[in-house]
């Protein structure tokens, strides 16, 4: 992957996948892409998770899909409310699937599949409650940094 990674993502499609996934659950999903070199992807993703305010959600059920394009590293992190239920193994599997899609040049597909899988997990464990308003606590836009 190169600097052209950003230009190879269909951002509206990813943002729409986030919006649709969040309509089915009470969780929050973010995608963050960095072009800077990253040696420890988990450490960088964790810092980004906190910087984006993902630890401040009401149910601590946010999911971050983190991509370090220059370093060709990926991570999927869940907040404590999520990982206490599903663990981290399923999130690691999501990152591995994303990596496979990226190696095949299917960047948008890889991100959308990860978003949809995160939405499935959140909907299973944090479903929307009919008649109860659910505020979109975090932006659905892809963040960069």
N, C-alpha and C. Protein backbone atom coordinates (compact mmCIF):
# COMPACT_ATOMS: atom_id res chain seq x y z
N UNK A 1 0.85 -1.19 0.00
CA UNK A 1 0.00 0.00 0.00
C UNK A 1 0.88 1.24 0.00
N UNK A 2 0.39 2.25 -0.57
CA UNK A 2 1.15 3.50 -0.65
C UNK A 2 0.28 4.66 -0.22
N UNK A 3 0.81 5.84 -0.47
CA UNK A 3 0.06 7.05 -0.12
C UNK A 3 -1.26 7.10 -0.88
N UNK A 4 -1.36 6.37 -1.97
CA UNK A 4 -2.59 6.38 -2.75
C UNK A 4 -3.72 5.63 -2.06
N UNK A 5 -3.44 5.05 -0.90
CA UNK A 5 -4.47 4.31 -0.16
C UNK A 5 -5.72 5.16 0.03
N UNK A 6 -5.54 6.42 0.46
CA UNK A 6 -6.69 7.30 0.69
C UNK A 6 -7.53 7.46 -0.57
N UNK A 7 -6.86 7.61 -1.70
CA UNK A 7 -7.60 7.83 -2.94
C UNK A 7 -8.28 6.55 -3.43
N UNK A 8 -7.91 5.41 -2.87
CA UNK A 8 -8.48 4.13 -3.30
C UNK A 8 -9.63 3.68 -2.40
N UNK A 9 -10.01 4.51 -1.45
CA UNK A 9 -11.14 4.20 -0.58
C UNK A 9 -12.37 4.96 -1.07
N UNK A 10 -13.47 4.26 -1.22
CA UNK A 10 -14.75 4.89 -1.54
C UNK A 10 -15.35 5.33 -0.21
N UNK A 11 -14.95 6.54 0.21
CA UNK A 11 -15.36 7.03 1.53
C UNK A 11 -16.87 7.06 1.73
N UNK A 12 -17.65 7.56 0.76
CA UNK A 12 -19.10 7.56 0.98
C UNK A 12 -19.66 6.15 1.25
N UNK A 13 -19.11 5.15 0.60
CA UNK A 13 -19.57 3.78 0.82
C UNK A 13 -19.23 3.30 2.24
N UNK A 14 -18.05 3.63 2.72
CA UNK A 14 -17.66 3.25 4.08
C UNK A 14 -18.51 3.98 5.10
N UNK A 15 -18.71 5.27 4.91
CA UNK A 15 -19.53 6.07 5.84
C UNK A 15 -20.96 5.55 5.87
N UNK A 16 -21.49 5.19 4.71
CA UNK A 16 -22.85 4.65 4.65
C UNK A 16 -22.92 3.29 5.36
N UNK A 17 -21.88 2.48 5.23
CA UNK A 17 -21.85 1.19 5.94
C UNK A 17 -21.87 1.41 7.45
N UNK A 18 -21.14 2.42 7.92
CA UNK A 18 -21.14 2.74 9.35
C UNK A 18 -22.54 3.18 9.78
N UNK A 19 -23.14 4.07 9.00
CA UNK A 19 -24.48 4.57 9.34
C UNK A 19 -25.47 3.42 9.42
N UNK A 20 -25.46 2.53 8.44
CA UNK A 20 -26.40 1.41 8.44
C UNK A 20 -26.13 0.44 9.59
N UNK A 21 -24.87 0.19 9.88
CA UNK A 21 -24.53 -0.71 10.99
C UNK A 21 -25.01 -0.13 12.32
N UNK A 22 -24.82 1.17 12.49
CA UNK A 22 -25.21 1.81 13.75
C UNK A 22 -26.72 1.92 13.90
N UNK A 23 -27.46 1.85 12.81
CA UNK A 23 -28.92 1.87 12.91
C UNK A 23 -29.46 0.60 13.58
N UNK A 24 -28.67 -0.45 13.58
CA UNK A 24 -29.09 -1.73 14.13
C UNK A 24 -28.65 -1.95 15.57
N UNK A 25 -27.90 -1.01 16.14
CA UNK A 25 -27.34 -1.25 17.46
C UNK A 25 -27.21 0.05 18.25
N UNK A 26 -26.75 -0.10 19.49
CA UNK A 26 -26.51 1.07 20.34
C UNK A 26 -25.03 1.41 20.40
N UNK A 27 -24.21 0.75 19.60
CA UNK A 27 -22.77 0.98 19.62
C UNK A 27 -22.32 2.05 18.64
N UNK A 28 -21.05 2.33 18.69
CA UNK A 28 -20.43 3.31 17.81
C UNK A 28 -19.26 2.66 17.08
N UNK A 29 -19.16 2.92 15.80
CA UNK A 29 -18.09 2.37 14.97
C UNK A 29 -17.35 3.53 14.33
N UNK A 30 -16.04 3.49 14.41
CA UNK A 30 -15.20 4.50 13.76
C UNK A 30 -14.17 3.81 12.90
N UNK A 31 -13.80 4.45 11.81
CA UNK A 31 -12.69 4.03 10.97
C UNK A 31 -11.67 5.15 10.99
N UNK A 32 -10.42 4.79 11.27
CA UNK A 32 -9.34 5.78 11.27
C UNK A 32 -8.21 5.26 10.40
N UNK A 33 -7.71 6.12 9.52
CA UNK A 33 -6.60 5.77 8.64
C UNK A 33 -5.47 6.76 8.87
N UNK A 34 -4.28 6.23 9.11
CA UNK A 34 -3.11 7.08 9.24
C UNK A 34 -2.09 6.72 8.17
N UNK A 35 -1.45 7.74 7.65
CA UNK A 35 -0.40 7.52 6.66
C UNK A 35 0.98 7.58 7.26
N UNK A 36 1.05 7.85 8.57
CA UNK A 36 2.36 7.94 9.20
C UNK A 36 2.88 6.54 9.54
N UNK A 37 4.18 6.38 9.62
CA UNK A 37 4.73 5.08 9.98
C UNK A 37 4.34 4.69 11.41
N UNK A 38 3.97 3.44 11.59
CA UNK A 38 3.54 2.94 12.89
C UNK A 38 4.31 1.66 13.18
N UNK A 39 5.01 1.63 14.30
CA UNK A 39 5.74 0.40 14.65
C UNK A 39 4.88 -0.54 15.49
N UNK A 40 4.14 0.04 16.44
CA UNK A 40 3.28 -0.77 17.33
C UNK A 40 1.83 -0.39 17.04
N UNK A 41 1.17 -1.19 16.20
CA UNK A 41 -0.18 -0.83 15.75
C UNK A 41 -1.18 -0.82 16.90
N UNK A 42 -1.05 -1.72 17.86
CA UNK A 42 -2.00 -1.75 18.98
C UNK A 42 -1.84 -0.50 19.84
N UNK A 43 -0.59 -0.13 20.11
CA UNK A 43 -0.35 1.07 20.91
C UNK A 43 -0.90 2.32 20.21
N UNK A 44 -0.65 2.43 18.90
CA UNK A 44 -1.14 3.60 18.15
C UNK A 44 -2.66 3.59 18.06
N UNK A 45 -3.25 2.41 17.83
CA UNK A 45 -4.70 2.31 17.74
C UNK A 45 -5.35 2.65 19.08
N UNK A 46 -4.74 2.22 20.17
CA UNK A 46 -5.27 2.52 21.50
C UNK A 46 -5.23 4.02 21.77
N UNK A 47 -4.13 4.67 21.42
CA UNK A 47 -4.03 6.12 21.59
C UNK A 47 -5.06 6.84 20.73
N UNK A 48 -5.27 6.35 19.52
CA UNK A 48 -6.26 6.95 18.62
C UNK A 48 -7.67 6.74 19.16
N UNK A 49 -7.93 5.56 19.70
CA UNK A 49 -9.23 5.24 20.30
C UNK A 49 -9.58 6.27 21.36
N UNK A 50 -8.61 6.56 22.21
CA UNK A 50 -8.82 7.54 23.29
C UNK A 50 -8.93 8.96 22.74
N UNK A 51 -8.07 9.30 21.78
CA UNK A 51 -8.07 10.65 21.19
C UNK A 51 -9.40 10.96 20.48
N UNK A 52 -10.00 9.94 19.88
CA UNK A 52 -11.28 10.13 19.18
C UNK A 52 -12.48 10.16 20.13
N UNK A 53 -12.25 10.00 21.42
CA UNK A 53 -13.33 10.04 22.40
C UNK A 53 -14.14 8.76 22.48
N UNK A 54 -13.58 7.67 22.01
CA UNK A 54 -14.34 6.43 21.95
C UNK A 54 -14.55 5.79 23.32
N UNK A 55 -13.76 6.19 24.32
CA UNK A 55 -13.96 5.67 25.67
C UNK A 55 -15.06 6.42 26.40
N UNK A 56 -15.62 7.44 25.77
CA UNK A 56 -16.63 8.27 26.42
C UNK A 56 -18.06 7.90 26.03
N UNK A 57 -18.25 6.79 25.30
CA UNK A 57 -19.61 6.41 24.94
C UNK A 57 -20.34 5.88 26.16
N UNK A 58 -21.64 6.02 26.15
CA UNK A 58 -22.46 5.68 27.32
C UNK A 58 -22.29 4.24 27.78
N UNK A 59 -22.22 3.30 26.82
CA UNK A 59 -22.14 1.89 27.20
C UNK A 59 -20.75 1.29 26.98
N UNK A 60 -19.77 2.14 26.67
CA UNK A 60 -18.40 1.68 26.42
C UNK A 60 -18.38 0.55 25.39
N UNK A 61 -19.13 0.76 24.30
CA UNK A 61 -19.27 -0.28 23.29
C UNK A 61 -18.85 0.20 21.90
N UNK A 62 -17.84 1.04 21.86
CA UNK A 62 -17.32 1.50 20.59
C UNK A 62 -16.36 0.49 19.98
N UNK A 63 -16.27 0.53 18.65
CA UNK A 63 -15.33 -0.31 17.90
C UNK A 63 -14.56 0.59 16.95
N UNK A 64 -13.23 0.49 17.02
CA UNK A 64 -12.37 1.26 16.13
C UNK A 64 -11.70 0.33 15.13
N UNK A 65 -11.83 0.66 13.86
CA UNK A 65 -11.12 -0.03 12.79
C UNK A 65 -9.98 0.90 12.40
N UNK A 66 -8.76 0.49 12.72
CA UNK A 66 -7.56 1.33 12.58
C UNK A 66 -6.68 0.78 11.46
N UNK A 67 -6.29 1.66 10.54
CA UNK A 67 -5.45 1.27 9.42
C UNK A 67 -4.23 2.18 9.38
N UNK A 68 -3.05 1.58 9.45
CA UNK A 68 -1.80 2.30 9.26
C UNK A 68 -1.31 1.94 7.86
N UNK A 69 -1.70 2.73 6.86
CA UNK A 69 -1.49 2.35 5.46
C UNK A 69 -0.01 2.25 5.08
N UNK A 70 0.80 3.18 5.51
CA UNK A 70 2.22 3.14 5.14
C UNK A 70 2.91 1.92 5.74
N UNK A 71 2.55 1.58 6.95
CA UNK A 71 3.18 0.45 7.64
C UNK A 71 2.50 -0.88 7.31
N UNK A 72 1.38 -0.80 6.61
CA UNK A 72 0.61 -1.98 6.23
C UNK A 72 0.23 -2.81 7.46
N UNK A 73 -0.29 -2.11 8.46
CA UNK A 73 -0.73 -2.75 9.70
C UNK A 73 -2.17 -2.35 9.98
N UNK A 74 -2.89 -3.24 10.65
CA UNK A 74 -4.31 -3.03 10.90
C UNK A 74 -4.65 -3.52 12.29
N UNK A 75 -5.65 -2.92 12.88
CA UNK A 75 -6.14 -3.37 14.19
C UNK A 75 -7.61 -3.03 14.30
N UNK A 76 -8.32 -3.87 15.02
CA UNK A 76 -9.71 -3.59 15.36
C UNK A 76 -9.79 -3.66 16.87
N UNK A 77 -10.16 -2.54 17.48
CA UNK A 77 -10.25 -2.46 18.94
C UNK A 77 -11.68 -2.25 19.37
N UNK A 78 -12.04 -2.86 20.47
CA UNK A 78 -13.34 -2.63 21.07
C UNK A 78 -13.17 -2.07 22.46
N UNK A 79 -14.10 -1.26 22.89
CA UNK A 79 -14.06 -0.72 24.24
C UNK A 79 -14.44 -1.82 25.23
N UNK A 80 -14.29 -1.52 26.51
CA UNK A 80 -14.47 -2.53 27.55
C UNK A 80 -15.85 -3.18 27.56
N UNK A 81 -16.89 -2.42 27.23
CA UNK A 81 -18.23 -3.00 27.20
C UNK A 81 -18.36 -4.07 26.13
N UNK A 82 -17.67 -3.88 25.04
CA UNK A 82 -17.69 -4.84 23.93
C UNK A 82 -16.78 -6.03 24.21
N UNK A 83 -15.54 -5.76 24.58
CA UNK A 83 -14.59 -6.86 24.75
C UNK A 83 -14.91 -7.73 25.96
N UNK A 84 -15.61 -7.17 26.94
CA UNK A 84 -16.00 -8.00 28.09
C UNK A 84 -17.01 -9.07 27.69
N UNK A 85 -17.69 -8.85 26.58
CA UNK A 85 -18.69 -9.81 26.09
C UNK A 85 -18.11 -10.73 25.02
N UNK A 86 -17.44 -10.17 24.02
CA UNK A 86 -16.98 -10.98 22.88
C UNK A 86 -15.49 -11.30 22.93
N UNK A 87 -14.74 -10.69 23.84
CA UNK A 87 -13.30 -10.89 23.87
C UNK A 87 -12.64 -10.13 22.74
N UNK A 88 -11.37 -10.44 22.51
CA UNK A 88 -10.62 -9.75 21.45
C UNK A 88 -10.37 -10.64 20.24
N UNK A 89 -10.56 -11.94 20.38
CA UNK A 89 -10.27 -12.87 19.28
C UNK A 89 -11.08 -12.52 18.03
N UNK A 90 -12.36 -12.27 18.19
CA UNK A 90 -13.21 -11.96 17.03
C UNK A 90 -12.79 -10.65 16.37
N UNK A 91 -12.30 -9.70 17.16
CA UNK A 91 -11.83 -8.43 16.62
C UNK A 91 -10.53 -8.65 15.84
N UNK A 92 -9.67 -9.53 16.37
CA UNK A 92 -8.43 -9.87 15.65
C UNK A 92 -8.74 -10.56 14.33
N UNK A 93 -9.77 -11.39 14.31
CA UNK A 93 -10.19 -12.06 13.07
C UNK A 93 -10.67 -11.03 12.04
N UNK A 94 -11.37 -10.00 12.52
CA UNK A 94 -11.82 -8.94 11.63
C UNK A 94 -10.63 -8.25 10.98
N UNK A 95 -9.60 -7.96 11.77
CA UNK A 95 -8.40 -7.31 11.23
C UNK A 95 -7.71 -8.21 10.22
N UNK A 96 -7.66 -9.52 10.49
CA UNK A 96 -7.03 -10.45 9.56
C UNK A 96 -7.79 -10.51 8.24
N UNK A 97 -9.12 -10.51 8.30
CA UNK A 97 -9.92 -10.52 7.07
C UNK A 97 -9.72 -9.23 6.28
N UNK A 98 -9.62 -8.14 7.00
CA UNK A 98 -9.38 -6.85 6.36
C UNK A 98 -8.02 -6.87 5.66
N UNK A 99 -7.04 -7.43 6.31
CA UNK A 99 -5.70 -7.52 5.74
C UNK A 99 -5.70 -8.32 4.44
N UNK A 100 -6.45 -9.42 4.42
CA UNK A 100 -6.55 -10.23 3.21
C UNK A 100 -7.15 -9.42 2.06
N UNK A 101 -8.23 -8.72 2.34
CA UNK A 101 -8.86 -7.89 1.30
C UNK A 101 -7.90 -6.81 0.81
N UNK A 102 -7.16 -6.20 1.73
CA UNK A 102 -6.22 -5.15 1.35
C UNK A 102 -5.11 -5.70 0.44
N UNK A 103 -4.59 -6.89 0.77
CA UNK A 103 -3.55 -7.49 -0.06
C UNK A 103 -4.06 -7.72 -1.49
N UNK A 104 -5.35 -7.94 -1.62
CA UNK A 104 -5.97 -8.14 -2.93
C UNK A 104 -6.35 -6.82 -3.59
N UNK A 105 -6.04 -5.70 -2.94
CA UNK A 105 -6.36 -4.39 -3.48
C UNK A 105 -7.80 -3.95 -3.28
N UNK A 106 -8.54 -4.69 -2.45
CA UNK A 106 -9.96 -4.39 -2.21
C UNK A 106 -10.08 -3.61 -0.90
N UNK A 107 -9.62 -2.38 -0.91
CA UNK A 107 -9.55 -1.58 0.30
C UNK A 107 -10.94 -1.23 0.85
N UNK A 108 -11.78 -0.72 -0.01
CA UNK A 108 -13.14 -0.37 0.43
C UNK A 108 -13.88 -1.62 0.89
N UNK A 109 -13.80 -2.70 0.13
CA UNK A 109 -14.47 -3.95 0.51
C UNK A 109 -14.01 -4.43 1.89
N UNK A 110 -12.70 -4.35 2.14
CA UNK A 110 -12.16 -4.78 3.43
C UNK A 110 -12.71 -3.94 4.57
N UNK A 111 -12.76 -2.63 4.38
CA UNK A 111 -13.29 -1.75 5.42
C UNK A 111 -14.78 -1.98 5.63
N UNK A 112 -15.53 -2.07 4.54
CA UNK A 112 -16.97 -2.27 4.65
C UNK A 112 -17.29 -3.60 5.34
N UNK A 113 -16.56 -4.65 5.00
CA UNK A 113 -16.79 -5.95 5.63
C UNK A 113 -16.51 -5.88 7.14
N UNK A 114 -15.46 -5.18 7.52
CA UNK A 114 -15.14 -5.03 8.95
C UNK A 114 -16.23 -4.22 9.66
N UNK A 115 -16.69 -3.16 9.03
CA UNK A 115 -17.77 -2.35 9.60
C UNK A 115 -19.03 -3.19 9.76
N UNK A 116 -19.37 -3.95 8.74
CA UNK A 116 -20.58 -4.78 8.81
C UNK A 116 -20.46 -5.84 9.90
N UNK A 117 -19.29 -6.45 10.03
CA UNK A 117 -19.08 -7.46 11.08
C UNK A 117 -19.17 -6.80 12.46
N UNK A 118 -18.59 -5.62 12.62
CA UNK A 118 -18.71 -4.90 13.89
C UNK A 118 -20.17 -4.60 14.18
N UNK A 119 -20.91 -4.19 13.16
CA UNK A 119 -22.34 -3.93 13.33
C UNK A 119 -23.10 -5.17 13.75
N UNK A 120 -22.75 -6.33 13.16
CA UNK A 120 -23.40 -7.59 13.55
C UNK A 120 -23.16 -7.90 15.02
N UNK A 121 -21.91 -7.75 15.45
CA UNK A 121 -21.57 -8.03 16.85
C UNK A 121 -22.30 -7.08 17.79
N UNK A 122 -22.28 -5.81 17.44
CA UNK A 122 -22.95 -4.82 18.29
C UNK A 122 -24.45 -5.04 18.32
N UNK A 123 -25.04 -5.36 17.18
CA UNK A 123 -26.49 -5.61 17.13
C UNK A 123 -26.87 -6.84 17.95
N UNK A 124 -25.99 -7.84 17.98
CA UNK A 124 -26.27 -9.05 18.75
C UNK A 124 -26.21 -8.78 20.25
N UNK A 125 -25.30 -7.92 20.67
CA UNK A 125 -25.08 -7.70 22.11
C UNK A 125 -25.59 -6.36 22.63
N UNK A 126 -25.77 -5.41 21.73
CA UNK A 126 -26.26 -4.07 22.09
C UNK A 126 -27.31 -3.64 21.06
N UNK A 127 -28.40 -4.39 20.96
CA UNK A 127 -29.42 -4.07 19.94
C UNK A 127 -30.13 -2.76 20.26
N UNK A 128 -30.65 -2.16 19.22
CA UNK A 128 -31.49 -0.98 19.42
C UNK A 128 -32.71 -1.38 20.23
N UNK A 129 -33.19 -0.48 21.05
CA UNK A 129 -34.39 -0.71 21.84
C UNK A 129 -35.50 0.11 21.21
N UNK A 130 -36.54 -0.58 20.78
CA UNK A 130 -37.64 0.10 20.10
C UNK A 130 -38.26 1.15 21.02
N UNK A 131 -38.48 2.32 20.43
CA UNK A 131 -39.10 3.41 21.18
C UNK A 131 -38.13 4.24 22.00
N UNK A 132 -36.86 3.81 22.06
CA UNK A 132 -35.86 4.55 22.82
C UNK A 132 -34.90 5.22 21.84
N UNK A 133 -34.75 6.51 21.97
CA UNK A 133 -33.86 7.26 21.10
C UNK A 133 -32.42 6.84 21.36
N UNK A 134 -31.64 6.71 20.29
CA UNK A 134 -30.23 6.36 20.41
C UNK A 134 -29.42 7.41 19.68
N UNK A 135 -28.74 8.23 20.45
CA UNK A 135 -27.96 9.32 19.89
C UNK A 135 -26.70 8.79 19.21
N UNK A 136 -26.39 9.32 18.04
CA UNK A 136 -25.13 9.00 17.37
C UNK A 136 -24.05 9.80 18.10
N UNK A 137 -23.31 9.12 18.97
CA UNK A 137 -22.38 9.80 19.85
C UNK A 137 -21.08 10.24 19.18
N UNK A 138 -20.70 9.56 18.09
CA UNK A 138 -19.45 9.85 17.41
C UNK A 138 -19.67 9.97 15.90
N UNK A 139 -18.83 10.75 15.26
CA UNK A 139 -18.93 10.95 13.82
C UNK A 139 -18.76 9.63 13.07
N UNK A 140 -19.47 9.51 11.95
CA UNK A 140 -19.34 8.33 11.10
C UNK A 140 -18.26 8.52 10.03
N UNK A 141 -17.75 9.74 9.90
CA UNK A 141 -16.73 10.02 8.89
C UNK A 141 -15.43 9.27 9.21
N UNK A 142 -14.68 8.95 8.15
CA UNK A 142 -13.36 8.36 8.33
C UNK A 142 -12.46 9.45 8.87
N UNK A 143 -11.79 9.17 9.98
CA UNK A 143 -10.86 10.16 10.52
C UNK A 143 -9.45 9.82 10.02
N UNK A 144 -8.64 10.83 9.94
CA UNK A 144 -7.27 10.68 9.43
C UNK A 144 -6.31 11.35 10.39
N UNK A 145 -5.14 10.83 10.40
CA UNK A 145 -4.14 11.46 11.24
C UNK A 145 -2.83 10.75 11.23
